[in-house]
Each structure stands twice: as C-alpha cells, then as structure tokens.
Amino acid sequence: MSADIVNLRQFKKKQARSDKEKQAEQNRISFGRTKVEKQLTTALNDKAEKALDQGHIDKNDDGK
C-alpha cells in the first residue's frame, strides 16, 4: 500500500477554488439574468402600466 504524497498548501488552495466556484454557480442561478430577460420584464411592466392607465377615469374639478 503506497499513499500518494499531497502538498497540503496546494490541496487547500484547490479546495478553496472549488468552494468559490460552487458559490459562484449558486449566485449565477439566483441573481443572474441576461440583458434580454431584464428588457422583457421592463417591457411587460410598461405594457401593464399603460393598460392600467387606459382604464383610469379622471374626475374634473367642476364636479361633472
């Protein structure tokens, strides 16, 4: 039985890189949206706001 010799400093660095990559992947899933997705959301919100404003009834000051 021969064990492989491992440099502990290199192992720790490799492990830290792996942990950071896993965290980055989670952040990409949680927060990452493409520019097109952001523009689509903005366009849909604007369209909904316009539709809401079209149904709005303004009251005049003279009581009519």
Protein backbone atom coordinates (compact mmCIF):
# COMPACT_ATOMS: atom_id res chain seq x y z
CA MET A 1 0.00 0.00 0.00
CA SER A 2 1.53 3.21 -1.10
CA ALA A 3 -0.13 6.52 -0.35
CA ASP A 4 0.11 9.46 -2.68
CA ILE A 5 2.03 12.40 -1.30
CA VAL A 6 -0.10 15.53 -1.28
CA ASN A 7 1.09 19.06 -0.78
CA LEU A 8 -1.30 20.40 1.87
CA ARG A 9 -1.00 24.03 0.71
CA GLN A 10 -1.91 23.11 -2.86
CA PHE A 11 -4.76 20.90 -1.65
CA LYS A 12 -6.22 23.74 0.44
CA LYS A 13 -5.99 26.17 -2.48
CA LYS A 14 -7.65 23.68 -4.81
CA GLN A 15 -10.42 23.08 -2.27
CA ALA A 16 -10.95 26.84 -1.80
CA ARG A 17 -11.21 27.36 -5.58
CA SER A 18 -13.74 24.56 -5.79
CA ASP A 19 -15.83 26.07 -2.98
CA LYS A 20 -15.75 29.52 -4.59
CA GLU A 21 -16.84 28.06 -7.92
CA LYS A 22 -19.78 26.30 -6.28
CA GLN A 23 -20.82 29.58 -4.61
CA ALA A 24 -20.46 31.46 -7.90
CA GLU A 25 -22.69 28.91 -9.64
CA GLN A 26 -25.35 29.39 -6.98
CA ASN A 27 -25.13 33.17 -7.38
CA ARG A 28 -25.47 32.88 -11.17
CA ILE A 29 -28.64 30.84 -10.69
CA SER A 30 -30.05 33.15 -8.02
CA PHE A 31 -29.16 36.58 -9.38
CA GLY A 32 -28.05 36.19 -12.97
CA ARG A 33 -30.41 37.37 -15.67
CA THR A 34 -29.47 38.25 -19.19
CA LYS A 35 -29.92 41.71 -20.63
CA VAL A 36 -32.77 40.42 -22.83
CA GLU A 37 -34.59 38.99 -19.81
CA LYS A 38 -34.31 42.32 -17.99
CA GLN A 39 -35.58 44.20 -21.06
CA LEU A 40 -38.51 41.80 -21.43
CA THR A 41 -39.51 42.31 -17.80
CA THR A 42 -39.31 46.09 -18.21
CA ALA A 43 -41.39 45.97 -21.41
CA LEU A 44 -44.06 43.80 -19.78
CA ASN A 45 -44.24 46.12 -16.77
CA ASP A 46 -44.59 49.17 -19.05
CA LYS A 47 -47.35 47.47 -21.05
CA ALA A 48 -49.25 46.54 -17.89
CA GLU A 49 -48.92 50.10 -16.56
CA LYS A 50 -50.27 51.57 -19.81
CA ALA A 51 -53.21 49.15 -19.78
CA LEU A 52 -53.98 50.16 -16.21
CA ASP A 53 -53.79 53.87 -17.04
CA GLN A 54 -56.14 53.44 -20.02
CA GLY A 55 -58.91 52.25 -17.72
CA HIS A 56 -58.41 55.16 -15.34
CA ILE A 57 -61.23 57.73 -15.07
CA ASP A 58 -60.17 61.30 -14.42
CA LYS A 59 -62.56 63.48 -12.41
CA ASN A 60 -62.89 67.14 -13.30
CA ASP A 61 -62.67 69.91 -10.71
CA ASP A 62 -66.04 71.42 -11.71
CA GLY A 63 -67.98 68.44 -10.32
CA LYS A 64 -69.14 66.84 -13.59
